[in-house]
Amino acid sequence: MRKIDRKQFLKQSGWGIAGLSFIDWLEPVEAAEQVAEWQRVRSYKPPEIAQDEQFWQTIRKQFSQDDQLINLNNGAVSPQPKPVQNALIENYRQANRQPSYYYQMKLEEQRDALRASLAEEIGSNPEEVAINRNATEGLNTIIFGLPLERGDEVVVSNYDYPYMLNAWRQRQKRDGIKLNPVALQMLVEDEEAIVQKFANAITARTKVVHITHMINWTGQILPAKKITEMAHEKGCEVIVDAAHALGHFAHSFAAIGCDYYAASLHKWMCAPFGTGMLAVKNDKIAKLWPLLSSYDPKSDDIRKFEISRSRL
């Protein structure tokens, strides 16, 4: 099991004055306070900042607080810092000032810039990344978009997210596929034992292996790369649910080697509510049906999976 403390957070977030682009979205007094505080600790090393309570109190001020509630659940949605809230509100106002122009022109430009940033975050090609509303939408796109036939088998586990299991059960009822569930016992430290459990569930009819990279109930991190390598050796495609993994530890879509990947940005990443991403290997895009209708559902353009323009 791995934990992230303040020291690790600072290292992974690339802290420093270069990270102050959010200042533009703060009130003048708050902005001045933030700049002064970051300047004060500029020469500090991560271990020093991790113990600096004054610094963390300044960070805390950037989140809206309800004094009547202690939030212990960031797994569903995480609070957005004030700069994110302010930017979201201003963009909403801009959309109302220039409705059609904003959605048909400006939003598309911003979408591709965001696509590039998300691709960099997960170590992927921008043309493999689609922007959507959450991991559930991304995973449902994959689950309902794969061209599976009656009798094809899919490996899942008892710790997969319920909505994902429900989606697979719907395909089971509708299309006659078979689910082979892996019964995981948590917490298990032996990665090879976990890989073997998945391997034991694969048969000659298995087409897909579904992996939850970080289990939401326990925080257990499954060896996604090792499971993927094993599954590929047996001729199976691999889906990785990274809803919680993305915000907790560094990993790469390319390094894992999976075929399909989805994550939520409004969880530990503190992005606006209703934001997520889907990643699909280039050579898999064309065969995957979009969840919503598309002008060319068999296109190899990742944008066919996005809800944009008039479909908003």
C-alpha atoms as a PDB file:
ATOM      1  CA  MET A   1       0.000   0.000   0.000  1.00  0.00           C
ATOM      2  CA  ARG A   2       1.254   3.485  -0.858  1.00  0.00           C
ATOM      3  CA  LYS A   3       0.359   6.770   0.778  1.00  0.00           C
ATOM      4  CA  ILE A   4       0.999  10.295  -0.451  1.00  0.00           C
ATOM      5  CA  ASP A   5       2.110  12.780   2.172  1.00  0.00           C
ATOM      6  CA  ARG A   6       2.734  16.503   1.830  1.00  0.00           C
ATOM      7  CA  LYS A   7       6.318  15.939   0.698  1.00  0.00           C
ATOM      8  CA  GLN A   8       5.248  13.625  -2.122  1.00  0.00           C
ATOM      9  CA  PHE A   9       2.426  15.988  -3.079  1.00  0.00           C
ATOM     10  CA  LEU A  10       4.870  18.839  -3.551  1.00  0.00           C
ATOM     11  CA  LYS A  11       7.219  16.747  -5.652  1.00  0.00           C
ATOM     12  CA  GLN A  12       4.460  15.408  -7.895  1.00  0.00           C
ATOM     13  CA  SER A  13       2.695  18.728  -8.346  1.00  0.00           C
ATOM     14  CA  GLY A  14       5.823  20.538  -9.525  1.00  0.00           C
ATOM     15  CA  TRP A  15       5.361  23.280  -6.934  1.00  0.00           C
ATOM     16  CA  GLY A  16       6.977  26.627  -7.474  1.00  0.00           C
ATOM     17  CA  ILE A  17       6.367  30.123  -8.742  1.00  0.00           C
ATOM     18  CA  ALA A  18       5.782  28.681 -12.207  1.00  0.00           C
ATOM     19  CA  GLY A  19       2.625  27.134 -10.786  1.00  0.00           C
ATOM     20  CA  LEU A  20       1.058  30.497  -9.997  1.00  0.00           C
ATOM     21  CA  SER A  21      -0.974  30.836 -13.195  1.00  0.00           C
ATOM     22  CA  PHE A  22      -4.093  30.421 -11.053  1.00  0.00           C
ATOM     23  CA  ILE A  23      -3.364  33.811  -9.441  1.00  0.00           C
ATOM     24  CA  ASP A  24      -5.220  35.528 -12.296  1.00  0.00           C
ATOM     25  CA  TRP A  25      -8.451  33.989 -11.016  1.00  0.00           C
ATOM     26  CA  LEU A  26      -8.132  35.267  -7.425  1.00  0.00           C
ATOM     27  CA  GLU A  27      -9.337  38.450  -5.800  1.00  0.00           C
ATOM     28  CA  PRO A  28      -6.485  41.027  -5.528  1.00  0.00           C
ATOM     29  CA  VAL A  29      -6.007  40.630  -1.757  1.00  0.00           C
ATOM     30  CA  GLU A  30      -6.002  36.835  -1.960  1.00  0.00           C
ATOM     31  CA  ALA A  31      -3.669  36.923  -4.950  1.00  0.00           C
ATOM     32  CA  ALA A  32      -1.187  39.128  -3.108  1.00  0.00           C
ATOM     33  CA  GLU A  33      -1.257  36.813  -0.099  1.00  0.00           C
ATOM     34  CA  GLN A  34      -0.666  33.747  -2.258  1.00  0.00           C
ATOM     35  CA  VAL A  35       2.234  35.343  -4.134  1.00  0.00           C
ATOM     36  CA  ALA A  36       3.852  36.482  -0.894  1.00  0.00           C
ATOM     37  CA  GLU A  37       3.533  33.020   0.631  1.00  0.00           C
ATOM     38  CA  TRP A  38       4.945  31.209  -2.396  1.00  0.00           C
ATOM     39  CA  GLN A  39       7.809  33.701  -2.500  1.00  0.00           C
ATOM     40  CA  ARG A  40       8.500  33.064   1.191  1.00  0.00           C
ATOM     41  CA  VAL A  41       8.946  29.328   0.679  1.00  0.00           C
ATOM     42  CA  ARG A  42      10.520  29.535  -2.758  1.00  0.00           C
ATOM     43  CA  SER A  43      13.924  28.344  -1.549  1.00  0.00           C
ATOM     44  CA  TYR A  44      12.494  25.666   0.737  1.00  0.00           C
ATOM     45  CA  LYS A  45      12.848  21.995  -0.031  1.00  0.00           C
ATOM     46  CA  PRO A  46       9.729  19.770  -0.057  1.00  0.00           C
ATOM     47  CA  PRO A  47      10.406  18.287   3.416  1.00  0.00           C
ATOM     48  CA  GLU A  48      10.587  21.812   4.866  1.00  0.00           C
ATOM     49  CA  ILE A  49       7.376  22.953   3.215  1.00  0.00           C
ATOM     50  CA  ALA A  50       5.629  19.774   4.308  1.00  0.00           C
ATOM     51  CA  GLN A  51       6.114  20.893   7.925  1.00  0.00           C
ATOM     52  CA  ASP A  52       5.297  24.570   7.350  1.00  0.00           C
ATOM     53  CA  GLU A  53       1.790  25.051   8.765  1.00  0.00           C
ATOM     54  CA  GLN A  54       1.630  28.702   7.692  1.00  0.00           C
ATOM     55  CA  PHE A  55       2.035  27.645   4.068  1.00  0.00           C
ATOM     56  CA  TRP A  56      -0.681  25.003   4.305  1.00  0.00           C
ATOM     57  CA  GLN A  57      -3.075  27.408   5.997  1.00  0.00           C
ATOM     58  CA  THR A  58      -2.667  29.680   2.971  1.00  0.00           C
ATOM     59  CA  ILE A  59      -3.439  26.765   0.667  1.00  0.00           C
ATOM     60  CA  ARG A  60      -6.474  25.870   2.786  1.00  0.00           C
ATOM     61  CA  LYS A  61      -7.897  29.366   2.305  1.00  0.00           C
ATOM     62  CA  GLN A  62      -8.217  28.678  -1.408  1.00  0.00           C
ATOM     63  CA  PHE A  63     -10.953  26.136  -0.757  1.00  0.00           C
ATOM     64  CA  SER A  64     -14.496  27.089   0.198  1.00  0.00           C
ATOM     65  CA  GLN A  65     -15.209  25.904   3.725  1.00  0.00           C
ATOM     66  CA  ASP A  66     -18.447  24.938   5.440  1.00  0.00           C
ATOM     67  CA  ASP A  67     -17.800  25.236   9.160  1.00  0.00           C
ATOM     68  CA  GLN A  68     -20.766  22.955   9.877  1.00  0.00           C
ATOM     69  CA  LEU A  69     -19.387  20.051   7.868  1.00  0.00           C
ATOM     70  CA  ILE A  70     -16.160  18.060   7.890  1.00  0.00           C
ATOM     71  CA  ASN A  71     -15.679  16.522   4.456  1.00  0.00           C
ATOM     72  CA  LEU A  72     -14.052  13.100   4.705  1.00  0.00           C
ATOM     73  CA  ASN A  73     -15.112  11.893   1.257  1.00  0.00           C
ATOM     74  CA  ASN A  74     -13.096  13.168  -1.684  1.00  0.00           C
ATOM     75  CA  GLY A  75     -13.672   9.935  -3.556  1.00  0.00           C
ATOM     76  CA  ALA A  76     -16.960  11.025  -5.117  1.00  0.00           C
ATOM     77  CA  VAL A  77     -16.018  14.607  -5.974  1.00  0.00           C
ATOM     78  CA  SER A  78     -13.250  16.779  -4.583  1.00  0.00           C
ATOM     79  CA  PRO A  79     -13.639  20.465  -3.739  1.00  0.00           C
ATOM     80  CA  GLN A  80     -12.355  22.892  -6.327  1.00  0.00           C
ATOM     81  CA  PRO A  81     -10.017  25.681  -5.218  1.00  0.00           C
ATOM     82  CA  LYS A  82     -11.377  29.190  -5.645  1.00  0.00           C
ATOM     83  CA  PRO A  83      -9.379  29.918  -8.833  1.00  0.00           C
ATOM     84  CA  VAL A  84     -11.026  26.916 -10.510  1.00  0.00           C
ATOM     85  CA  GLN A  85     -14.467  28.027  -9.342  1.00  0.00           C
ATOM     86  CA  ASN A  86     -13.852  31.572 -10.576  1.00  0.00           C
ATOM     87  CA  ALA A  87     -12.553  30.422 -13.959  1.00  0.00           C
ATOM     88  CA  LEU A  88     -15.549  28.133 -14.402  1.00  0.00           C
ATOM     89  CA  ILE A  89     -18.012  30.911 -13.596  1.00  0.00           C
ATOM     90  CA  GLU A  90     -16.292  33.363 -15.936  1.00  0.00           C
ATOM     91  CA  ASN A  91     -16.310  30.860 -18.797  1.00  0.00           C
ATOM     92  CA  TYR A  92     -20.006  30.231 -18.183  1.00  0.00           C
ATOM     93  CA  ARG A  93     -20.655  33.967 -18.423  1.00  0.00           C
ATOM     94  CA  GLN A  94     -18.568  34.156 -21.586  1.00  0.00           C
ATOM     95  CA  ALA A  95     -20.647  31.363 -23.106  1.00  0.00           C
ATOM     96  CA  ASN A  96     -23.794  33.376 -22.405  1.00  0.00           C
ATOM     97  CA  ARG A  97     -22.304  36.511 -23.954  1.00  0.00           C
ATOM     98  CA  GLN A  98     -21.309  34.679 -27.151  1.00  0.00           C
ATOM     99  CA  PRO A  99     -23.463  31.510 -27.226  1.00  0.00           C
ATOM    100  CA  SER A 100     -23.054  30.006 -30.698  1.00  0.00           C
ATOM    101  CA  TYR A 101     -19.650  31.525 -31.362  1.00  0.00           C
ATOM    102  CA  TYR A 102     -18.337  30.280 -28.026  1.00  0.00           C
ATOM    103  CA  TYR A 103     -19.549  26.699 -28.464  1.00  0.00           C
ATOM    104  CA  GLN A 104     -18.773  26.301 -32.156  1.00  0.00           C
ATOM    105  CA  MET A 105     -15.463  28.150 -32.304  1.00  0.00           C
ATOM    106  CA  LYS A 106     -13.789  29.078 -29.052  1.00  0.00           C
ATOM    107  CA  LEU A 107     -14.722  25.958 -27.105  1.00  0.00           C
ATOM    108  CA  GLU A 108     -13.304  23.701 -29.808  1.00  0.00           C
ATOM    109  CA  GLU A 109      -9.969  25.533 -29.679  1.00  0.00           C
ATOM    110  CA  GLN A 110      -9.857  25.212 -25.901  1.00  0.00           C
ATOM    111  CA  ARG A 111     -10.810  21.552 -26.115  1.00  0.00           C
ATOM    112  CA  ASP A 112      -7.751  20.644 -28.177  1.00  0.00           C
ATOM    113  CA  ALA A 113      -5.445  22.563 -25.834  1.00  0.00           C
ATOM    114  CA  LEU A 114      -6.936  20.667 -22.901  1.00  0.00           C
ATOM    115  CA  ARG A 115      -6.614  17.400 -24.817  1.00  0.00           C
ATOM    116  CA  ALA A 116      -2.877  18.006 -25.183  1.00  0.00           C
ATOM    117  CA  SER A 117      -2.511  18.740 -21.461  1.00  0.00           C
ATOM    118  CA  LEU A 118      -4.406  15.608 -20.464  1.00  0.00           C
ATOM    119  CA  ALA A 119      -2.356  13.498 -22.861  1.00  0.00           C
ATOM    120  CA  GLU A 120       0.824  14.826 -21.278  1.00  0.00           C
ATOM    121  CA  GLU A 121      -0.560  14.020 -17.825  1.00  0.00           C
ATOM    122  CA  ILE A 122      -1.074  10.336 -18.650  1.00  0.00           C
ATOM    123  CA  GLY A 123       1.823   9.912 -21.082  1.00  0.00           C
ATOM    124  CA  SER A 124      -0.308   9.528 -24.179  1.00  0.00           C
ATOM    125  CA  ASN A 125      -0.738  10.890 -27.696  1.00  0.00           C
ATOM    126  CA  PRO A 126      -3.341  13.725 -27.789  1.00  0.00           C
ATOM    127  CA  GLU A 127      -5.075  11.891 -30.632  1.00  0.00           C
ATOM    128  CA  GLU A 128      -5.789   9.045 -28.202  1.00  0.00           C
ATOM    129  CA  VAL A 129      -7.570  11.234 -25.631  1.00  0.00           C
ATOM    130  CA  ALA A 130     -11.254  12.190 -25.548  1.00  0.00           C
ATOM    131  CA  ILE A 131     -12.763  14.654 -23.070  1.00  0.00           C
ATOM    132  CA  ASN A 132     -15.986  13.656 -21.363  1.00  0.00           C
ATOM    133  CA  ARG A 133     -17.917  14.018 -18.105  1.00  0.00           C
ATOM    134  CA  ASN A 134     -16.464  11.294 -15.880  1.00  0.00           C
ATOM    135  CA  ALA A 135     -14.922   7.837 -15.703  1.00  0.00           C
ATOM    136  CA  THR A 136     -18.369   6.227 -15.799  1.00  0.00           C
ATOM    137  CA  GLU A 137     -19.112   7.803 -19.180  1.00  0.00           C
ATOM    138  CA  GLY A 138     -15.701   6.800 -20.499  1.00  0.00           C
ATOM    139  CA  LEU A 139     -15.973   3.218 -19.283  1.00  0.00           C
ATOM    140  CA  ASN A 140     -19.549   2.878 -20.542  1.00  0.00           C
ATOM    141  CA  THR A 141     -18.326   4.073 -23.933  1.00  0.00           C
ATOM    142  CA  ILE A 142     -15.869   1.186 -23.922  1.00  0.00           C
ATOM    143  CA  ILE A 143     -18.180  -1.434 -22.419  1.00  0.00           C
ATOM    144  CA  PHE A 144     -21.074  -0.753 -24.789  1.00  0.00           C
ATOM    145  CA  GLY A 145     -18.834   0.107 -27.736  1.00  0.00           C
ATOM    146  CA  LEU A 146     -16.776  -3.075 -27.950  1.00  0.00           C
ATOM    147  CA  PRO A 147     -17.950  -5.415 -30.739  1.00  0.00           C
ATOM    148  CA  LEU A 148     -18.499  -8.472 -28.542  1.00  0.00           C
ATOM    149  CA  GLU A 149     -20.599 -11.450 -29.604  1.00  0.00           C
ATOM    150  CA  ARG A 150     -22.718 -14.034 -27.815  1.00  0.00           C
ATOM    151  CA  GLY A 151     -20.482 -16.393 -25.870  1.00  0.00           C
ATOM    152  CA  ASP A 152     -17.549 -13.979 -25.615  1.00  0.00           C
ATOM    153  CA  GLU A 153     -16.200 -13.714 -22.081  1.00  0.00           C
ATOM    154  CA  VAL A 154     -15.097 -10.756 -19.965  1.00  0.00           C
ATOM    155  CA  VAL A 155     -13.047 -10.961 -16.763  1.00  0.00           C
ATOM    156  CA  VAL A 156     -14.151  -8.601 -13.986  1.00  0.00           C
ATOM    157  CA  SER A 157     -13.613  -8.571 -10.211  1.00  0.00           C
ATOM    158  CA  ASN A 158     -15.762  -8.281  -7.110  1.00  0.00           C
ATOM    159  CA  TYR A 159     -14.090  -4.943  -6.344  1.00  0.00           C
ATOM    160  CA  ASP A 160     -14.915  -3.240  -9.642  1.00  0.00           C
ATOM    161  CA  TYR A 161     -17.118  -0.167  -9.322  1.00  0.00           C
ATOM    162  CA  PRO A 162     -20.828  -1.172  -9.151  1.00  0.00           C
ATOM    163  CA  TYR A 163     -21.875   0.984 -12.126  1.00  0.00           C
ATOM    164  CA  MET A 164     -19.270  -0.746 -14.270  1.00  0.00           C
ATOM    165  CA  LEU A 165     -20.429  -4.189 -13.190  1.00  0.00           C
ATOM    166  CA  ASN A 166     -24.013  -3.133 -13.927  1.00  0.00           C
ATOM    167  CA  ALA A 167     -22.972  -2.058 -17.423  1.00  0.00           C
ATOM    168  CA  TRP A 168     -21.339  -5.427 -18.066  1.00  0.00           C
ATOM    169  CA  ARG A 169     -24.405  -7.235 -16.692  1.00  0.00           C
ATOM    170  CA  GLN A 170     -26.564  -5.260 -19.100  1.00  0.00           C
ATOM    171  CA  ARG A 171     -24.426  -6.452 -21.996  1.00  0.00           C
ATOM    172  CA  GLN A 172     -24.669  -9.954 -20.584  1.00  0.00           C
ATOM    173  CA  LYS A 173     -28.476  -9.799 -20.639  1.00  0.00           C
ATOM    174  CA  ARG A 174     -28.694  -8.013 -23.978  1.00  0.00           C
ATOM    175  CA  ASP A 175     -25.933  -9.657 -25.997  1.00  0.00           C
ATOM    176  CA  GLY A 176     -25.337 -12.988 -24.303  1.00  0.00           C
ATOM    177  CA  ILE A 177     -21.735 -12.406 -23.253  1.00  0.00           C
ATOM    178  CA  LYS A 178     -20.410 -14.179 -20.159  1.00  0.00           C
ATOM    179  CA  LEU A 179     -18.766 -12.569 -17.127  1.00  0.00           C
ATOM    180  CA  ASN A 180     -15.972 -14.377 -15.300  1.00  0.00           C
ATOM    181  CA  PRO A 181     -15.637 -12.675 -11.886  1.00  0.00           C
ATOM    182  CA  VAL A 182     -12.373 -12.735  -9.948  1.00  0.00           C
ATOM    183  CA  ALA A 183     -12.885 -12.975  -6.173  1.00  0.00           C
ATOM    184  CA  LEU A 184     -10.200 -10.737  -4.684  1.00  0.00           C
ATOM    185  CA  GLN A 185      -9.432 -10.824  -0.977  1.00  0.00           C
ATOM    186  CA  MET A 186      -8.297  -7.443   0.285  1.00  0.00           C
ATOM    187  CA  LEU A 187      -5.812  -6.366   1.287  1.00  0.00           C
ATOM    188  CA  VAL A 188      -3.328  -8.507  -0.654  1.00  0.00           C
ATOM    189  CA  GLU A 189       0.338  -7.516  -0.837  1.00  0.00           C
ATOM    190  CA  ASP A 190       1.404 -10.327  -3.188  1.00  0.00           C
ATOM    191  CA  GLU A 191       1.097  -8.855  -6.693  1.00  0.00           C
ATOM    192  CA  GLU A 192       1.896 -12.153  -8.374  1.00  0.00           C
ATOM    193  CA  ALA A 193      -1.000 -13.793  -6.533  1.00  0.00           C
ATOM    194  CA  ILE A 194      -3.350 -11.092  -7.830  1.00  0.00           C
ATOM    195  CA  VAL A 195      -2.095 -11.528 -11.395  1.00  0.00           C
ATOM    196  CA  GLN A 196      -2.565 -15.279 -11.101  1.00  0.00           C
ATOM    197  CA  LYS A 197      -6.178 -14.866  -9.988  1.00  0.00           C
ATOM    198  CA  PHE A 198      -6.902 -12.884 -13.147  1.00  0.00           C
ATOM    199  CA  ALA A 199      -4.993 -15.417 -15.247  1.00  0.00           C
ATOM    200  CA  ASN A 200      -7.043 -18.272 -13.800  1.00  0.00           C
ATOM    201  CA  ALA A 201     -10.266 -16.553 -14.901  1.00  0.00           C
ATOM    202  CA  ILE A 202      -9.202 -16.345 -18.559  1.00  0.00           C
ATOM    203  CA  THR A 203     -10.391 -19.025 -20.972  1.00  0.00           C
ATOM    204  CA  ALA A 204     -10.172 -19.539 -24.715  1.00  0.00           C
ATOM    205  CA  ARG A 205     -13.367 -17.451 -25.090  1.00  0.00           C
ATOM    206  CA  THR A 206     -12.138 -14.469 -23.051  1.00  0.00           C
ATOM    207  CA  LYS A 207     -11.888 -11.251 -25.062  1.00  0.00           C
ATOM    208  CA  VAL A 208     -11.571  -8.536 -22.410  1.00  0.00           C
ATOM    209  CA  VAL A 209     -10.056  -8.075 -18.947  1.00  0.00           C
ATOM    210  CA  HIS A 210     -11.430  -5.187 -16.863  1.00  0.00           C
ATOM    211  CA  ILE A 211      -9.096  -3.814 -14.153  1.00  0.00           C
ATOM    212  CA  THR A 212      -9.822  -1.255 -11.447  1.00  0.00           C
ATOM    213  CA  HIS A 213      -6.387   0.266 -10.926  1.00  0.00           C
ATOM    214  CA  MET A 214      -7.114   1.705  -7.476  1.00  0.00           C
ATOM    215  CA  ILE A 215     -10.062   0.256  -5.570  1.00  0.00           C
ATOM    216  CA  ASN A 216     -12.278   2.960  -4.122  1.00  0.00           C
ATOM    217  CA  TRP A 217     -13.320   1.093  -0.958  1.00  0.00           C
ATOM    218  CA  THR A 218      -9.855   0.098   0.233  1.00  0.00           C
ATOM    219  CA  GLY A 219      -7.248   2.114  -1.648  1.00  0.00           C
ATOM    220  CA  GLN A 220      -5.645  -1.125  -2.856  1.00  0.00           C
ATOM    221  CA  ILE A 221      -3.542  -0.548  -5.979  1.00  0.00           C
ATOM    222  CA  LEU A 222      -3.732  -3.448  -8.404  1.00  0.00           C
ATOM    223  CA  PRO A 223      -0.687  -4.298 -10.562  1.00  0.00           C
ATOM    224  CA  ALA A 224      -2.321  -3.034 -13.749  1.00  0.00           C
ATOM    225  CA  LYS A 225       0.811  -3.283 -15.885  1.00  0.00           C
ATOM    226  CA  LYS A 226       1.502  -6.893 -14.890  1.00  0.00           C
ATOM    227  CA  ILE A 227      -2.126  -7.923 -15.402  1.00  0.00           C
ATOM    228  CA  THR A 228      -2.136  -6.178 -18.793  1.00  0.00           C
ATOM    229  CA  GLU A 229       1.013  -7.958 -19.930  1.00  0.00           C
ATOM    230  CA  MET A 230      -0.397 -11.320 -18.858  1.00  0.00           C
ATOM    231  CA  ALA A 231      -3.757 -10.661 -20.539  1.00  0.00           C
ATOM    232  CA  HIS A 232      -2.140  -9.552 -23.791  1.00  0.00           C
ATOM    233  CA  GLU A 233      -0.070 -12.725 -23.860  1.00  0.00           C
ATOM    234  CA  LYS A 234      -3.361 -14.626 -23.743  1.00  0.00           C
ATOM    235  CA  GLY A 235      -4.853 -12.545 -26.568  1.00  0.00           C
ATOM    236  CA  CYS A 236      -7.168 -10.365 -24.464  1.00  0.00           C
ATOM    237  CA  GLU A 237      -7.779  -6.628 -24.596  1.00  0.00           C
ATOM    238  CA  VAL A 238      -7.511  -4.680 -21.340  1.00  0.00           C
ATOM    239  CA  ILE A 239      -9.607  -1.876 -19.856  1.00  0.00           C
ATOM    240  CA  VAL A 240      -8.231   0.145 -16.936  1.00  0.00           C
ATOM    241  CA  ASP A 241     -10.557   2.078 -14.637  1.00  0.00           C
ATOM    242  CA  ALA A 242      -8.309   4.878 -13.327  1.00  0.00           C
ATOM    243  CA  ALA A 243     -11.041   6.946 -11.672  1.00  0.00           C
ATOM    244  CA  HIS A 244      -9.062   7.159  -8.432  1.00  0.00           C
ATOM    245  CA  ALA A 245      -5.586   6.240  -9.635  1.00  0.00           C
ATOM    246  CA  LEU A 246      -5.061   9.362 -11.744  1.00  0.00           C
ATOM    247  CA  GLY A 247      -5.020  11.752  -8.798  1.00  0.00           C
ATOM    248  CA  HIS A 248      -3.071   9.539  -6.405  1.00  0.00           C
ATOM    249  CA  PHE A 249       0.118   8.349  -8.036  1.00  0.00           C
ATOM    250  CA  ALA A 250       2.138   8.843 -11.185  1.00  0.00           C
ATOM    251  CA  HIS A 251       1.486   6.342 -13.950  1.00  0.00           C
ATOM    252  CA  SER A 252       1.368   6.249 -17.732  1.00  0.00           C
ATOM    253  CA  PHE A 253      -1.225   4.979 -20.184  1.00  0.00           C
ATOM    254  CA  ALA A 254       1.605   3.913 -22.482  1.00  0.00           C
ATOM    255  CA  ALA A 255       3.625   2.288 -19.686  1.00  0.00           C
ATOM    256  CA  ILE A 256       0.665   0.266 -18.425  1.00  0.00           C
ATOM    257  CA  GLY A 257       0.108  -0.823 -22.006  1.00  0.00           C
ATOM    258  CA  CYS A 258      -3.667  -1.207 -21.698  1.00  0.00           C
ATOM    259  CA  ASP A 259      -5.965  -0.735 -24.676  1.00  0.00           C
ATOM    260  CA  TYR A 260      -8.600   1.438 -23.012  1.00  0.00           C
ATOM    261  CA  TYR A 261      -8.408   3.818 -20.043  1.00  0.00           C
ATOM    262  CA  ALA A 262     -10.845   6.176 -18.319  1.00  0.00           C
ATOM    263  CA  ALA A 263     -10.616   8.561 -15.364  1.00  0.00           C
ATOM    264  CA  SER A 264     -12.512  11.304 -13.570  1.00  0.00           C
ATOM    265  CA  LEU A 265     -10.925  14.735 -13.201  1.00  0.00           C
ATOM    266  CA  HIS A 266     -13.371  16.017 -10.574  1.00  0.00           C
ATOM    267  CA  LYS A 267     -12.162  13.581  -7.951  1.00  0.00           C
ATOM    268  CA  TRP A 268      -8.661  13.977  -6.536  1.00  0.00           C
ATOM    269  CA  MET A 269      -7.586  16.319  -9.356  1.00  0.00           C
ATOM    270  CA  CYS A 270      -9.937  19.056  -8.028  1.00  0.00           C
ATOM    271  CA  ALA A 271     -11.208  19.903 -11.513  1.00  0.00           C
ATOM    272  CA  PRO A 272     -14.759  21.199 -12.153  1.00  0.00           C
ATOM    273  CA  PHE A 273     -17.596  18.791 -11.432  1.00  0.00           C
ATOM    274  CA  GLY A 274     -18.571  16.749 -14.460  1.00  0.00           C
ATOM    275  CA  THR A 275     -15.150  16.449 -16.096  1.00  0.00           C
ATOM    276  CA  GLY A 276     -13.387  13.272 -17.148  1.00  0.00           C
ATOM    277  CA  MET A 277     -11.315  11.646 -19.850  1.00  0.00           C
ATOM    278  CA  LEU A 278     -11.147   8.561 -22.033  1.00  0.00           C
ATOM    279  CA  ALA A 279      -8.003   7.187 -23.676  1.00  0.00           C
ATOM    280  CA  VAL A 280      -8.032   4.621 -26.472  1.00  0.00           C
ATOM    281  CA  LYS A 281      -5.054   3.202 -28.343  1.00  0.00           C
ATOM    282  CA  ASN A 282      -4.917   4.581 -31.868  1.00  0.00           C
ATOM    283  CA  ASP A 283      -5.426   1.226 -33.530  1.00  0.00           C
ATOM    284  CA  LYS A 284      -8.509   0.495 -31.381  1.00  0.00           C
ATOM    285  CA  ILE A 285     -10.466   3.718 -32.015  1.00  0.00           C
ATOM    286  CA  ALA A 286     -12.091   2.761 -35.320  1.00  0.00           C
ATOM    287  CA  LYS A 287     -13.672  -0.463 -34.052  1.00  0.00           C
ATOM    288  CA  LEU A 288     -15.070   1.078 -30.844  1.00  0.00           C
ATOM    289  CA  TRP A 289     -18.627   2.363 -31.234  1.00  0.00           C
ATOM    290  CA  PRO A 290     -19.332   5.791 -29.667  1.00  0.00           C
ATOM    291  CA  LEU A 291     -21.843   5.890 -26.817  1.00  0.00           C
ATOM    292  CA  LEU A 292     -23.805   8.669 -28.553  1.00  0.00           C
ATOM    293  CA  SER A 293     -24.448   8.945 -32.270  1.00  0.00           C
ATOM    294  CA  SER A 294     -21.657  10.193 -34.512  1.00  0.00           C
ATOM    295  CA  TYR A 295     -21.468  11.299 -38.149  1.00  0.00           C
ATOM    296  CA  ASP A 296     -18.993   8.482 -38.717  1.00  0.00           C
ATOM    297  CA  PRO A 297     -19.153   5.897 -35.907  1.00  0.00           C
ATOM    298  CA  LYS A 298     -16.363   3.829 -37.461  1.00  0.00           C
ATOM    299  CA  SER A 299     -14.007   6.792 -37.739  1.00  0.00           C
ATOM    300  CA  ASP A 300     -10.529   6.541 -36.249  1.00  0.00           C
ATOM    301  CA  ASP A 301     -10.826  10.107 -34.878  1.00  0.00           C
ATOM    302  CA  ILE A 302     -10.925  10.135 -31.065  1.00  0.00           C
ATOM    303  CA  ARG A 303     -13.313  13.122 -31.180  1.00  0.00           C
ATOM    304  CA  LYS A 304     -16.202  10.863 -32.157  1.00  0.00           C
ATOM    305  CA  PHE A 305     -16.474   9.978 -28.455  1.00  0.00           C
ATOM    306  CA  GLU A 306     -16.983  13.588 -27.342  1.00  0.00           C
ATOM    307  CA  ILE A 307     -20.205  15.473 -26.695  1.00  0.00           C
ATOM    308  CA  SER A 308     -19.635  18.817 -28.380  1.00  0.00           C
ATOM    309  CA  ARG A 309     -21.250  21.700 -30.211  1.00  0.00           C
ATOM    310  CA  SER A 310     -24.989  21.207 -30.786  1.00  0.00           C
ATOM    311  CA  ARG A 311     -24.938  17.967 -28.782  1.00  0.00           C
ATOM    312  CA  LEU A 312     -24.364  19.956 -25.609  1.00  0.00           C
END
